[in-house]
Amino acid sequence: MKIGIDSYCFHRYFGEIYPGLQTDPGIRWRMEKEFLDFALAQHVDEVALESCFFDALDNGLCDEIRARLDEHGLDRVLGWGHPEGLWGGTRPDELAALERHIPQTLRLGSTRMRITAASMNYAKAPREELIGRVVPMLREAAAVAADHGVTLALENHIDFTSAEMVRIIEAVDSDFLRVNFDTGNAIRLFEDPVVAAERLAPLTVSTHTKDIATRRRGGSPSDNFTWWPACPIGEGVIDMEGVVAALGQGGFDGSLSVEVDLIGEPWASQSEEEIVAKSLAYLRTLEPPPGAQLGTAAR
C-alpha cells in the first residue's frame, strides 16, 4: 500500500492560521525546503503540493522541486483551489487561474492536479443551481487538461456529496476529470465515509486521508471545523479499514495521502509533525483487501 503527505497538513507553518481557532506556532516552512525535508524523512511514496503555499507558476521553483522528487522517486500531485476553488461556478477569473496551473503540473513531473469547485460555504446552496454553474466550468477545464494530458481530480470539499460528485463527473463526461476523495469531508456532509468510498473509488485518482473526532452531538457543514475537527488517523471515528477496503475493491491504486486541518482536543497540543507521523504509522499497519490493486499510481 502506498502512502503520502499533503502539504496542507502544515498550513500553519505556511502562514495560514484559522482566526480564533488556532495560534501561530512561530514556524515558517518553504515547500521546496522544510516540507520536502520532512516528507522525504518519512519515506513516503507521494507528496501533494498545495499551490496556495508556493508559486507554482514559477518555472525555476517547479524545476527545483521536481529535481528533488525525481531524485528520491516520489509521486506527486499539484493542488489548486484552496479555499474556494471556482467559488461555486461564479468566478471566471478563477477558472483562468486553474487553467494556468495545468501545464505547471507537467512541469512538476506530474499528470494529476487536485482541484476544488467550491467549499463548505456552498454546502447549503440550491443544488441544481450550484451544479448547473460548476459543470460548464469543469467541462472547459477538463478540455484544457486533456490537451496537456493532465487529469484533474475534483475534491469533495464539503460542498458536494459523493452522489453529487458522480453526477458532476458524468455530466462533464471527460476521462480527464476524476476525483480526489477526502475521507473526512464525507462525514462532514453526514455521509458514511465507507459508503462514499465505495461510490467514488472507481473515479478516484488521489486522496485526502483524514480522520475526524466529533464533539458531543450535533454539528453541520457550516460548523465543520468546530464540530468535526481532525485528529491522528486511527484515533477518530472513521472506519479507516473499511474505507481502505472499499477504495481498493473499487479499483483505486494510488496513495493514501495524509491530510489534517484543524486539530481537535486532546491532540491540539501536539505538533503537526507528531500528528502526521502517527497517521503514517497507523496507515502502515493496514493491509490491502483481497483483490485490491493498491500501489501503482502514476505521477
Protein backbone atom coordinates (compact mmCIF):
# COMPACT_ATOMS: atom_id res chain seq x y z
CA MET A 1 0.00 0.00 0.00
CA LYS A 2 1.31 3.45 -0.88
CA ILE A 3 1.08 6.38 1.49
CA GLY A 4 1.71 10.09 1.15
CA ILE A 5 1.54 13.52 2.79
CA ASP A 6 -0.42 16.53 1.66
CA SER A 7 1.41 19.77 2.41
CA TYR A 8 -1.83 21.21 3.77
CA CYS A 9 -1.08 19.30 6.99
CA PHE A 10 1.34 22.13 7.71
CA HIS A 11 -0.86 25.07 6.76
CA ARG A 12 0.09 26.91 9.96
CA TYR A 13 3.77 26.56 9.07
CA PHE A 14 3.00 28.11 5.69
CA GLY A 15 1.32 31.05 7.41
CA GLU A 16 -2.38 30.13 7.28
CA ILE A 17 -3.81 30.41 10.80
CA TYR A 18 -7.54 29.90 11.32
CA PRO A 19 -8.73 33.10 13.05
CA GLY A 20 -9.97 32.46 16.56
CA LEU A 21 -9.32 28.74 16.30
CA GLN A 22 -5.56 28.38 16.10
CA THR A 23 -2.41 30.00 17.40
CA ASP A 24 0.63 30.89 15.33
CA PRO A 25 3.35 28.30 16.05
CA GLY A 26 6.03 30.80 15.09
CA ILE A 27 7.37 28.41 12.46
CA ARG A 28 7.58 29.08 8.72
CA TRP A 29 8.28 26.47 6.09
CA ARG A 30 9.07 26.56 2.40
CA MET A 31 7.66 23.94 0.05
CA GLU A 32 10.99 23.28 -1.63
CA LYS A 33 12.95 23.01 1.61
CA GLU A 34 11.37 22.24 5.01
CA PHE A 35 8.29 20.43 3.72
CA LEU A 36 10.23 18.22 1.34
CA ASP A 37 12.87 17.60 4.01
CA PHE A 38 10.17 16.33 6.37
CA ALA A 39 8.33 14.28 3.73
CA LEU A 40 11.50 12.60 2.50
CA ALA A 41 12.48 11.71 6.06
CA GLN A 42 9.15 9.87 6.45
CA HIS A 43 9.90 7.61 3.46
CA VAL A 44 6.52 8.20 1.89
CA ASP A 45 5.58 7.39 -1.69
CA GLU A 46 3.78 10.60 -2.65
CA VAL A 47 3.51 14.27 -1.77
CA ALA A 48 0.74 16.71 -2.61
CA LEU A 49 1.96 20.24 -3.23
CA GLU A 50 -0.62 22.91 -2.46
CA SER A 51 -0.20 25.88 -4.81
CA CYS A 52 -1.61 28.24 -2.17
CA PHE A 53 1.69 27.77 -0.31
CA PHE A 54 4.21 28.22 -3.14
CA ASP A 55 4.39 29.92 -6.51
CA ALA A 56 3.55 27.07 -8.84
CA LEU A 57 3.77 29.45 -11.80
CA ASP A 58 7.48 29.96 -11.11
CA ASN A 59 9.18 27.60 -13.55
CA GLY A 60 12.51 27.69 -11.74
CA LEU A 61 10.91 26.76 -8.42
CA CYS A 62 8.93 23.94 -10.05
CA ASP A 63 12.11 22.62 -11.64
CA GLU A 64 13.85 22.67 -8.25
CA ILE A 65 11.02 20.75 -6.58
CA ARG A 66 10.78 18.27 -9.42
CA ALA A 67 14.50 17.54 -9.28
CA ARG A 68 14.34 16.66 -5.57
CA LEU A 69 11.28 14.46 -6.03
CA ASP A 70 12.76 12.72 -9.06
CA GLU A 71 15.96 12.04 -7.15
CA HIS A 72 14.01 10.18 -4.48
CA GLY A 73 11.41 8.62 -6.79
CA LEU A 74 8.32 10.19 -5.18
CA ASP A 75 4.99 10.52 -6.90
CA ARG A 76 3.46 13.99 -6.68
CA VAL A 77 0.17 15.84 -7.12
CA LEU A 78 -0.28 19.57 -7.64
CA GLY A 79 -3.13 21.01 -5.55
CA TRP A 80 -5.13 24.06 -6.65
CA GLY A 81 -8.24 25.75 -5.29
CA HIS A 82 -7.87 26.43 -1.59
CA PRO A 83 -10.03 27.79 -0.10
CA GLU A 84 -12.93 28.46 -2.50
CA GLY A 85 -11.85 26.97 -5.81
CA LEU A 86 -14.18 28.13 -8.57
CA TRP A 87 -16.40 29.81 -5.96
CA GLY A 88 -19.33 27.61 -6.87
CA GLY A 89 -19.02 28.46 -10.56
CA THR A 90 -19.27 32.22 -10.06
CA ARG A 91 -15.67 33.28 -10.78
CA PRO A 92 -14.46 33.03 -14.42
CA ASP A 93 -11.16 34.55 -13.30
CA GLU A 94 -10.59 31.53 -11.06
CA LEU A 95 -11.24 29.21 -13.99
CA ALA A 96 -8.49 31.07 -15.85
CA ALA A 97 -6.21 30.63 -12.83
CA LEU A 98 -6.96 26.91 -12.72
CA GLU A 99 -6.11 26.59 -16.41
CA ARG A 100 -2.81 28.43 -15.97
CA HIS A 101 -1.74 25.82 -13.43
CA ILE A 102 -2.45 22.84 -15.67
CA PRO A 103 0.85 22.97 -17.62
CA GLN A 104 2.70 23.54 -14.34
CA THR A 105 1.51 20.10 -13.26
CA LEU A 106 3.66 18.67 -16.04
CA ARG A 107 6.48 20.99 -15.08
CA LEU A 108 6.48 19.38 -11.66
CA GLY A 109 6.62 15.94 -13.23
CA SER A 110 3.00 15.00 -12.51
CA THR A 111 -0.08 14.27 -14.56
CA ARG A 112 -2.57 14.79 -11.70
CA MET A 113 -3.89 18.10 -10.39
CA ARG A 114 -6.25 18.25 -7.43
CA ILE A 115 -8.87 20.98 -7.79
CA THR A 116 -11.91 22.32 -5.95
CA ALA A 117 -15.11 23.79 -7.34
CA ALA A 118 -16.48 25.29 -4.14
CA SER A 119 -16.23 24.95 -0.34
CA MET A 120 -18.26 24.41 2.82
CA ASN A 121 -19.77 27.84 2.20
CA TYR A 122 -21.79 26.23 -0.60
CA ALA A 123 -22.92 23.15 1.32
CA LYS A 124 -26.44 24.52 1.69
CA ALA A 125 -26.66 26.31 -1.67
CA PRO A 126 -29.53 25.32 -4.02
CA ARG A 127 -28.20 22.15 -5.54
CA GLU A 128 -29.45 22.45 -9.11
CA GLU A 129 -28.14 26.00 -9.43
CA LEU A 130 -24.78 25.11 -7.93
CA ILE A 131 -24.22 22.03 -10.06
CA GLY A 132 -25.50 23.88 -13.11
CA ARG A 133 -22.85 26.57 -12.62
CA VAL A 134 -19.83 24.37 -11.94
CA VAL A 135 -20.36 21.78 -14.68
CA PRO A 136 -19.69 24.13 -17.64
CA MET A 137 -16.56 25.49 -15.95
CA LEU A 138 -15.30 22.00 -15.18
CA ARG A 139 -16.06 20.90 -18.73
CA GLU A 140 -13.89 23.72 -20.07
CA ALA A 141 -11.13 22.97 -17.57
CA ALA A 142 -11.19 19.27 -18.47
CA ALA A 143 -10.84 20.14 -22.16
CA VAL A 144 -7.71 22.19 -21.41
CA ALA A 145 -6.39 19.40 -19.19
CA ALA A 146 -6.97 16.87 -21.96
CA ASP A 147 -4.85 18.96 -24.32
CA HIS A 148 -1.97 18.65 -21.84
CA GLY A 149 -2.57 15.05 -20.79
CA VAL A 150 -3.34 16.09 -17.21
CA THR A 151 -6.07 14.52 -15.10
CA LEU A 152 -7.99 16.91 -12.85
CA ALA A 153 -9.00 15.39 -9.51
CA LEU A 154 -12.09 17.15 -8.13
CA GLU A 155 -12.21 17.08 -4.33
CA ASN A 156 -15.37 16.60 -2.29
CA HIS A 157 -14.63 19.86 -0.49
CA ILE A 158 -17.54 19.90 1.99
CA ASP A 159 -19.55 21.16 -0.97
CA PHE A 160 -20.83 18.07 -2.78
CA THR A 161 -21.92 14.64 -1.59
CA SER A 162 -20.46 11.56 -3.23
CA ALA A 163 -23.64 11.10 -5.28
CA GLU A 164 -23.40 14.71 -6.48
CA MET A 165 -19.74 14.17 -7.32
CA VAL A 166 -20.66 11.24 -9.54
CA ARG A 167 -23.37 13.31 -11.17
CA ILE A 168 -20.91 16.13 -11.90
CA ILE A 169 -18.27 13.79 -13.32
CA GLU A 170 -20.85 12.13 -15.55
CA ALA A 171 -22.19 15.49 -16.74
CA VAL A 172 -18.71 16.74 -17.66
CA ASP A 173 -18.10 13.43 -19.45
CA SER A 174 -14.32 13.57 -19.74
CA ASP A 175 -11.70 11.00 -18.86
CA PHE A 176 -9.62 13.94 -17.65
CA LEU A 177 -11.91 14.81 -14.74
CA ARG A 178 -11.79 12.38 -11.87
CA VAL A 179 -11.94 12.52 -8.05
CA ASN A 180 -9.74 13.40 -5.10
CA PHE A 181 -11.59 11.58 -2.32
CA ASP A 182 -11.45 13.26 1.10
CA THR A 183 -12.47 10.80 3.81
CA GLY A 184 -13.09 13.45 6.47
CA ASN A 185 -15.10 15.76 4.25
CA ALA A 186 -17.51 12.93 3.54
CA ILE A 187 -18.52 12.64 7.19
CA ARG A 188 -18.75 16.43 7.42
CA LEU A 189 -21.62 16.19 4.95
CA PHE A 190 -23.23 13.44 7.05
CA GLU A 191 -22.13 10.63 4.74
CA ASP A 192 -20.71 7.32 5.86
CA PRO A 193 -17.12 7.54 4.54
CA VAL A 194 -17.13 3.84 3.67
CA VAL A 195 -20.26 4.22 1.55
CA ALA A 196 -18.81 7.33 -0.08
CA ALA A 197 -15.57 5.44 -0.78
CA GLU A 198 -17.50 2.61 -2.41
CA ARG A 199 -19.29 5.08 -4.66
CA LEU A 200 -16.24 7.14 -5.62
CA ALA A 201 -13.48 4.52 -5.73
CA PRO A 202 -13.80 3.78 -9.48
CA LEU A 203 -13.32 7.51 -10.17
CA THR A 204 -10.65 8.24 -7.56
CA VAL A 205 -7.07 9.05 -8.58
CA SER A 206 -5.86 10.69 -5.35
CA THR A 207 -6.97 11.06 -1.74
CA HIS A 208 -7.02 13.27 1.30
CA THR A 209 -6.93 10.65 4.03
CA LYS A 210 -8.02 12.25 7.29
CA ASP A 211 -9.75 11.13 10.47
CA ILE A 212 -12.37 13.07 12.42
CA ALA A 213 -13.02 13.47 16.15
CA THR A 214 -16.56 14.69 16.84
CA ARG A 215 -17.52 16.95 19.75
CA ARG A 216 -20.54 15.87 21.77
CA ARG A 217 -23.59 15.87 19.50
CA GLY A 218 -24.71 17.97 16.56
CA GLY A 219 -22.65 19.79 14.01
CA SER A 220 -23.32 20.98 10.49
CA PRO A 221 -21.30 21.75 7.37
CA SER A 222 -21.15 25.41 8.38
CA ASP A 223 -19.65 24.35 11.73
CA ASN A 224 -17.31 21.82 10.19
CA PHE A 225 -14.11 22.76 12.00
CA THR A 226 -15.51 23.34 15.47
CA TRP A 227 -17.83 20.33 15.42
CA TRP A 228 -15.85 17.98 13.15
CA PRO A 229 -12.13 18.61 13.85
CA ALA A 230 -9.37 16.35 12.59
CA CYS A 231 -7.16 14.03 14.62
CA PRO A 232 -4.40 11.48 14.00
CA ILE A 233 -5.59 8.79 11.63
CA GLY A 234 -6.76 5.74 13.55
CA GLU A 235 -7.80 7.71 16.64
CA GLY A 236 -11.07 9.18 15.35
CA VAL A 237 -14.49 7.94 14.35
CA ILE A 238 -13.86 6.97 10.72
CA ASP A 239 -13.71 3.28 9.87
CA MET A 240 -10.42 3.66 8.03
CA GLU A 241 -10.02 -0.06 7.47
CA GLY A 242 -13.42 -0.06 5.80
CA VAL A 243 -12.54 2.99 3.70
CA VAL A 244 -9.27 1.45 2.53
CA ALA A 245 -11.02 -1.81 1.70
CA ALA A 246 -13.71 0.00 -0.28
CA LEU A 247 -11.16 2.04 -2.21
CA GLY A 248 -9.07 -0.99 -3.06
CA GLN A 249 -12.00 -3.16 -4.05
CA GLY A 250 -13.27 -0.32 -6.23
CA GLY A 251 -10.02 -0.20 -8.18
CA PHE A 252 -8.15 2.69 -6.58
CA ASP A 253 -4.43 2.07 -6.98
CA GLY A 254 -2.89 5.25 -5.61
CA SER A 255 -1.62 6.63 -2.32
CA LEU A 256 -3.45 7.24 0.90
CA SER A 257 -2.26 10.81 1.39
CA VAL A 258 -2.48 12.12 4.95
CA GLU A 259 -4.21 15.48 5.35
CA VAL A 260 -5.26 17.33 8.51
CA ASP A 261 -6.80 20.74 9.03
CA LEU A 262 -7.99 21.94 12.45
CA ILE A 263 -6.76 19.54 15.10
CA GLY A 264 -9.25 18.88 17.88
CA GLU A 265 -8.70 18.15 21.55
CA PRO A 266 -6.89 16.39 23.10
CA TRP A 267 -4.41 16.44 20.20
CA ALA A 268 -4.17 20.21 19.71
CA SER A 269 -1.08 20.44 21.91
CA GLN A 270 0.80 18.05 19.63
CA SER A 271 2.86 19.33 16.75
CA GLU A 272 1.92 18.79 13.14
CA GLU A 273 4.98 16.58 12.75
CA GLU A 274 3.80 14.32 15.58
CA ILE A 275 0.27 14.05 14.21
CA VAL A 276 1.41 13.27 10.67
CA ALA A 277 3.93 10.71 11.90
CA LYS A 278 1.24 8.98 13.99
CA SER A 279 -1.08 8.94 10.98
CA LEU A 280 1.55 7.44 8.71
CA ALA A 281 2.40 4.80 11.31
CA TYR A 282 -1.25 3.79 11.52
CA LEU A 283 -1.68 3.60 7.76
CA ARG A 284 1.36 1.35 7.56
CA THR A 285 -0.44 -1.18 9.77
CA LEU A 286 -3.31 -1.57 7.31
CA GLU A 287 -3.32 -4.34 4.77
CA PRO A 288 -4.85 -4.03 1.32
CA PRO A 289 -8.05 -6.07 1.00
CA PRO A 290 -8.00 -9.27 -1.08
CA GLY A 291 -8.13 -8.42 -4.76
CA ALA A 292 -7.11 -4.79 -4.26
CA GLN A 293 -4.67 -3.21 -6.67
CA LEU A 294 -3.18 -0.52 -4.45
CA GLY A 295 0.23 0.78 -5.25
CA THR A 296 0.72 1.56 -8.95
CA ALA A 297 -0.42 5.16 -9.39
CA ALA A 298 1.40 7.25 -11.98
CA ARG A 299 2.86 10.61 -11.18
